[in-house]
Amino acid sequence: MNFLIIIKDTSEQSKNILQIGAKIANAFSANLSIIHVGKKSKALIEGEVNLARITMGEWNILHPGIEVLNWAYETLRKFDTIKIDSDIALKPEDYMNHTKRIILSLPQSSGKIVELILREGELIEEVSKDIDGFKYNLVIIGCPQKKRNTHQVVQFFNTSVLIVKNFRKNWDYNIQLCVDDSRATKRAVVFGARIANHYEKEVKLLTVSKTNLFKSGYQNAHRWAQKYLKRSNVTSDSLLISGSPVDIIVSEASDDHIIIMGKAKGNEFLKYIWGSKPIHVAQKANCPVLLIN
């Protein structure tokens, strides 16, 4: 599997995103890429600079985004989850200039690939290009400040998305697994069970109906999820609640769960105008939200 972490800067929030991303990648033994989308510097991205002949100081002047990637490298080396060779320092000539992106593969001992990636331009547009070109199974991003940006991330990133907000450094989350009759529900259950099993977390299995009547699709999906978690040796608590799905999902999760649910399928134009249940949950929740494609 291939996971992609998006970092905007060298802030504490970016460190938190790296930490939770590294943990989840470790649970799946996934290849991990870290991408930073910087401001345009045509000479660097278009290959007019001879990378092997410049010093690190000159490199950072040419593109401040390299400093962000170097910081990500040093931060990853301090985590126990990703085993990067601590004796090797980054050098400008280690970076490779590909079409519209610069990458560096990091030396590490787990057998999995770890890469640093630099792109230029608008974040959502450039990350979408990387997703479409390199087929990541999961993208991990900090919570956008604007709700509209959350909407765009969920809708236009053609893969599963983890939105990190109110991160707990001690990782004392449990899992809230939201189940309905949508096509992505089974994939969400499988993904959630893998994380819960790896980190020995309890699962709150939640199905919400707008009315007191739980249609057969909801009931069957909930029973299947119960059986799957049991077969996976995951401890779970089962809840079926009537009411507003978004409000109940958010309130039940509070700030001490990771919400896991399927992405919505349906009319793209209507989702663009009105959003969807997963989009609204991602906007309103007070904890990390993982939406499975």
Protein backbone atom coordinates (compact mmCIF):
# COMPACT_ATOMS: atom_id res chain seq x y z
CA MET A 1 0.00 0.00 0.00
CA ASN A 2 1.09 3.60 -0.62
CA PHE A 3 0.25 6.43 1.80
CA LEU A 4 0.80 10.18 1.26
CA ILE A 5 1.21 12.80 4.01
CA ILE A 6 0.69 16.47 3.15
CA ILE A 7 2.66 19.02 5.19
CA LYS A 8 2.36 22.80 4.74
CA ASP A 9 5.16 24.01 7.02
CA THR A 10 7.36 23.13 10.01
CA SER A 11 4.71 23.79 12.66
CA GLU A 12 3.59 21.60 15.56
CA GLN A 13 0.50 20.70 13.53
CA SER A 14 2.70 19.33 10.74
CA LYS A 15 4.66 17.30 13.30
CA ASN A 16 1.38 15.83 14.57
CA ILE A 17 0.31 14.95 11.04
CA LEU A 18 3.63 13.20 10.44
CA GLN A 19 3.28 11.26 13.69
CA ILE A 20 -0.24 9.96 13.11
CA GLY A 21 0.57 9.24 9.44
CA ALA A 22 3.69 7.29 10.35
CA LYS A 23 1.73 5.25 12.91
CA ILE A 24 -1.01 4.32 10.46
CA ALA A 25 1.50 3.54 7.69
CA ASN A 26 3.29 1.27 10.14
CA ALA A 27 0.06 -0.60 10.92
CA PHE A 28 -0.33 -1.40 7.21
CA SER A 29 3.40 -1.83 6.41
CA ALA A 30 2.79 0.81 3.75
CA ASN A 31 5.18 2.83 1.63
CA LEU A 32 5.12 6.43 2.83
CA SER A 33 5.51 9.66 0.86
CA ILE A 34 5.59 13.18 2.32
CA ILE A 35 4.63 16.01 -0.02
CA HIS A 36 5.01 19.76 0.30
CA VAL A 37 3.45 22.10 -2.26
CA GLY A 38 5.43 25.33 -2.39
CA LYS A 39 5.32 28.58 -4.28
CA LYS A 40 6.49 28.52 -7.86
CA SER A 41 10.21 28.76 -8.62
CA LYS A 42 10.39 27.89 -12.30
CA ALA A 43 14.15 27.54 -12.55
CA LEU A 44 14.23 24.75 -9.98
CA ILE A 45 11.23 22.65 -10.99
CA GLU A 46 11.84 23.02 -14.73
CA GLY A 47 15.36 21.65 -14.39
CA GLU A 48 17.43 24.75 -15.18
CA VAL A 49 19.48 24.21 -12.01
CA ASN A 50 22.25 21.60 -11.84
CA LEU A 51 21.33 19.93 -8.54
CA ALA A 52 24.70 18.25 -8.11
CA ARG A 53 26.64 21.53 -8.17
CA ILE A 54 24.83 23.59 -5.55
CA THR A 55 25.33 23.70 -1.81
CA MET A 56 22.55 23.06 0.71
CA GLY A 57 22.51 26.77 1.55
CA GLU A 58 22.01 27.69 -2.09
CA TRP A 59 19.39 24.96 -2.42
CA ASN A 60 17.28 26.46 0.38
CA ILE A 61 17.56 29.90 -1.16
CA LEU A 62 16.42 28.51 -4.51
CA HIS A 63 13.37 26.91 -2.95
CA PRO A 64 12.20 27.35 0.69
CA GLY A 65 10.10 24.20 0.29
CA ILE A 66 13.28 22.14 0.55
CA GLU A 67 13.71 23.38 4.11
CA VAL A 68 10.25 22.00 4.94
CA LEU A 69 11.19 18.59 3.48
CA ASN A 70 14.50 18.56 5.34
CA TRP A 71 12.59 19.28 8.55
CA ALA A 72 10.20 16.40 7.77
CA TYR A 73 13.20 14.11 7.31
CA GLU A 74 14.69 15.08 10.68
CA THR A 75 11.27 14.72 12.36
CA LEU A 76 10.69 11.25 10.91
CA ARG A 77 14.09 10.11 12.17
CA LYS A 78 12.94 10.78 15.74
CA PHE A 79 9.87 8.54 15.48
CA ASP A 80 10.06 4.88 16.48
CA THR A 81 7.53 3.88 13.82
CA ILE A 82 9.70 4.67 10.77
CA LYS A 83 13.27 3.32 10.81
CA ILE A 84 15.31 5.81 8.76
CA ASP A 85 19.08 5.48 8.77
CA SER A 86 20.16 8.14 11.30
CA ASP A 87 23.77 8.29 10.05
CA ILE A 88 22.95 9.66 6.61
CA ALA A 89 22.51 13.40 6.06
CA LEU A 90 20.58 14.88 3.17
CA LYS A 91 22.54 16.38 0.29
CA PRO A 92 21.19 18.45 -2.62
CA GLU A 93 22.41 15.91 -5.16
CA ASP A 94 20.23 13.25 -3.51
CA TYR A 95 17.12 14.96 -4.85
CA MET A 96 15.92 13.91 -8.29
CA ASN A 97 14.15 16.29 -10.64
CA HIS A 98 11.19 14.58 -12.31
CA THR A 99 8.55 16.24 -14.44
CA LYS A 100 6.83 18.88 -12.31
CA ARG A 101 8.07 17.28 -9.05
CA ILE A 102 11.30 16.81 -7.12
CA ILE A 103 11.68 13.65 -5.03
CA LEU A 104 14.12 12.09 -2.59
CA SER A 105 13.98 8.44 -1.53
CA LEU A 106 15.12 8.07 2.09
CA PRO A 107 17.42 5.29 3.30
CA GLN A 108 15.65 3.16 5.90
CA SER A 109 15.69 -0.38 7.21
CA SER A 110 12.05 -1.53 7.18
CA GLY A 111 12.09 -2.58 3.52
CA LYS A 112 9.40 -0.04 2.67
CA ILE A 113 9.85 3.08 0.55
CA VAL A 114 9.93 6.51 2.22
CA GLU A 115 9.95 9.53 -0.11
CA LEU A 116 10.02 13.32 0.12
CA ILE A 117 8.21 15.15 -2.68
CA LEU A 118 8.16 18.81 -3.69
CA ARG A 119 5.58 20.29 -6.05
CA GLU A 120 4.69 23.88 -6.89
CA GLY A 121 1.36 25.64 -7.27
CA GLU A 122 -2.07 25.31 -5.62
CA LEU A 123 -2.15 22.61 -2.95
CA ILE A 124 -5.37 20.79 -3.85
CA GLU A 125 -4.63 20.84 -7.58
CA GLU A 126 -1.04 19.64 -7.24
CA VAL A 127 -1.80 16.93 -4.68
CA SER A 128 -4.65 15.70 -6.90
CA LYS A 129 -2.16 15.33 -9.76
CA ASP A 130 0.15 13.27 -7.54
CA ILE A 131 -2.74 11.08 -6.38
CA ASP A 132 -3.90 10.45 -9.94
CA GLY A 133 -0.37 9.78 -11.17
CA PHE A 134 0.94 7.59 -8.37
CA LYS A 135 -2.20 5.88 -7.01
CA TYR A 136 -1.97 6.39 -3.25
CA ASN A 137 -4.31 4.32 -1.07
CA LEU A 138 -4.56 7.00 1.62
CA VAL A 139 -3.85 10.72 1.90
CA ILE A 140 -3.26 12.28 5.34
CA ILE A 141 -3.78 16.02 5.77
CA GLY A 142 -4.29 18.55 8.54
CA CYS A 143 -7.73 20.05 8.99
CA PRO A 144 -8.19 22.95 6.53
CA GLN A 145 -9.13 26.24 8.18
CA LYS A 146 -12.01 26.83 5.76
CA LYS A 147 -14.92 24.38 5.60
CA ARG A 148 -15.01 24.80 1.83
CA ASN A 149 -11.46 23.50 1.58
CA THR A 150 -12.43 20.40 3.59
CA HIS A 151 -15.26 19.88 1.10
CA GLN A 152 -12.79 20.08 -1.82
CA VAL A 153 -10.26 17.74 -0.22
CA VAL A 154 -12.87 15.04 0.42
CA GLN A 155 -14.51 15.39 -2.98
CA PHE A 156 -11.55 15.90 -5.31
CA PHE A 157 -8.89 13.64 -3.78
CA ASN A 158 -9.64 10.40 -5.60
CA THR A 159 -8.61 8.15 -2.72
CA SER A 160 -9.20 7.60 1.00
CA VAL A 161 -8.52 10.66 3.17
CA LEU A 162 -7.55 11.10 6.83
CA ILE A 163 -8.20 14.63 8.13
CA VAL A 164 -6.21 15.25 11.31
CA LYS A 165 -7.64 17.64 13.89
CA ASN A 166 -7.22 17.97 17.66
CA PHE A 167 -4.42 15.42 17.63
CA ARG A 168 -3.59 13.67 20.91
CA LYS A 169 0.13 13.08 21.28
CA ASN A 170 -0.36 10.14 23.64
CA TRP A 171 -2.47 8.42 20.94
CA ASP A 172 -5.23 7.58 23.47
CA TYR A 173 -7.93 7.28 20.83
CA ASN A 174 -10.49 4.58 20.36
CA ILE A 175 -12.12 3.88 17.01
CA GLN A 176 -15.64 4.94 16.04
CA LEU A 177 -16.63 2.90 13.02
CA CYS A 178 -19.70 4.28 11.24
CA VAL A 179 -21.65 1.68 9.28
CA ASP A 180 -24.51 2.02 6.81
CA ASP A 181 -25.52 0.45 3.50
CA SER A 182 -23.11 2.44 1.32
CA ARG A 183 -20.67 0.66 -0.99
CA ALA A 184 -17.58 1.80 0.92
CA THR A 185 -18.77 0.56 4.33
CA LYS A 186 -17.13 -2.88 4.14
CA ARG A 187 -13.81 -1.34 3.14
CA ALA A 188 -14.11 1.07 6.08
CA VAL A 189 -14.74 -1.84 8.47
CA VAL A 190 -11.72 -3.77 7.15
CA PHE A 191 -9.50 -0.68 7.41
CA GLY A 192 -10.74 0.17 10.91
CA ALA A 193 -10.28 -3.40 12.15
CA ARG A 194 -6.67 -3.40 10.94
CA ILE A 195 -5.85 -0.20 12.87
CA ALA A 196 -7.74 -1.34 15.99
CA ASN A 197 -5.99 -4.70 15.96
CA HIS A 198 -2.51 -3.30 15.45
CA TYR A 199 -2.80 -0.73 18.25
CA GLU A 200 -5.15 -2.76 20.49
CA LYS A 201 -7.95 -0.19 20.36
CA GLU A 202 -11.62 -0.70 21.14
CA VAL A 203 -14.20 -0.01 18.45
CA LYS A 204 -17.52 1.75 18.82
CA LEU A 205 -19.66 0.32 16.01
CA LEU A 206 -22.27 2.95 15.18
CA THR A 207 -25.22 2.93 12.78
CA VAL A 208 -27.51 5.97 12.66
CA SER A 209 -30.95 6.09 11.04
CA LYS A 210 -32.89 9.30 10.46
CA THR A 211 -36.05 7.50 11.62
CA ASN A 212 -36.85 4.84 14.22
CA LEU A 213 -36.97 2.31 11.39
CA PHE A 214 -33.62 0.71 10.55
CA LYS A 215 -34.00 -0.61 7.02
CA SER A 216 -32.66 -4.04 6.12
CA GLY A 217 -29.57 -2.63 4.41
CA TYR A 218 -28.50 -0.90 7.62
CA GLN A 219 -29.22 -3.97 9.77
CA ASN A 220 -27.36 -6.34 7.45
CA ALA A 221 -24.35 -4.02 7.25
CA HIS A 222 -24.24 -3.66 11.03
CA ARG A 223 -24.43 -7.43 11.61
CA TRP A 224 -21.72 -8.06 9.01
CA ALA A 225 -19.46 -5.51 10.73
CA GLN A 226 -20.05 -7.15 14.13
CA LYS A 227 -19.07 -10.55 12.75
CA TYR A 228 -16.01 -9.19 10.97
CA LEU A 229 -14.71 -7.43 14.09
CA LYS A 230 -15.26 -10.56 16.14
CA ARG A 231 -13.35 -12.69 13.62
CA SER A 232 -10.58 -10.08 13.73
CA ASN A 233 -10.39 -10.32 17.54
CA VAL A 234 -11.38 -6.67 17.94
CA THR A 235 -13.35 -5.65 21.03
CA SER A 236 -16.41 -3.63 20.00
CA ASP A 237 -19.48 -1.91 21.43
CA SER A 238 -22.55 -1.90 19.16
CA LEU A 239 -24.88 1.12 18.89
CA LEU A 240 -27.95 1.74 16.71
CA ILE A 241 -29.28 5.27 17.22
CA SER A 242 -32.09 7.27 15.59
CA GLY A 243 -31.65 10.95 14.74
CA SER A 244 -29.50 13.29 12.68
CA PRO A 245 -26.61 11.16 11.37
CA VAL A 246 -24.01 13.94 11.27
CA ASP A 247 -24.86 15.34 14.71
CA ILE A 248 -24.91 11.91 16.38
CA ILE A 249 -21.68 10.75 14.73
CA VAL A 250 -19.90 13.92 15.87
CA SER A 251 -21.30 13.89 19.41
CA GLU A 252 -20.64 10.17 19.96
CA ALA A 253 -17.03 10.56 18.81
CA SER A 254 -16.37 13.65 20.97
CA ASP A 255 -12.61 14.37 20.82
CA ASP A 256 -11.26 10.99 21.89
CA HIS A 257 -12.06 8.77 18.89
CA ILE A 258 -10.93 8.43 15.31
CA ILE A 259 -14.06 8.44 13.14
CA ILE A 260 -13.86 5.94 10.29
CA MET A 261 -16.55 5.81 7.62
CA GLY A 262 -16.96 5.29 3.88
CA LYS A 263 -16.83 8.11 1.37
CA ALA A 264 -20.17 8.94 -0.23
CA LYS A 265 -20.90 7.82 -3.77
CA GLY A 266 -23.47 9.58 -5.90
CA ASN A 267 -24.09 12.60 -8.11
CA GLU A 268 -20.87 14.64 -8.18
CA PHE A 269 -22.68 17.87 -9.03
CA LEU A 270 -25.05 17.53 -6.05
CA LYS A 271 -22.14 16.69 -3.74
CA TYR A 272 -20.29 19.76 -5.04
CA ILE A 273 -23.27 21.99 -4.24
CA TRP A 274 -24.64 20.44 -1.06
CA GLY A 275 -21.85 18.24 0.24
CA SER A 276 -22.47 14.79 1.72
CA LYS A 277 -22.71 13.11 5.12
CA PRO A 278 -18.98 12.27 5.25
CA ILE A 279 -18.06 15.81 4.16
CA HIS A 280 -20.25 17.36 6.87
CA VAL A 281 -18.84 14.99 9.49
CA ALA A 282 -15.29 15.94 8.48
CA GLN A 283 -16.19 19.62 8.78
CA LYS A 284 -17.91 19.39 12.18
CA ALA A 285 -16.00 16.68 14.07
CA ASN A 286 -13.63 17.49 16.92
CA CYS A 287 -11.31 14.54 16.24
CA PRO A 288 -9.51 12.88 13.31
CA VAL A 289 -11.80 11.64 10.53
CA LEU A 290 -10.82 8.84 8.16
CA LEU A 291 -12.96 8.56 5.01
CA ILE A 292 -12.47 5.36 3.01
CA ASN A 293 -12.86 5.47 -0.76
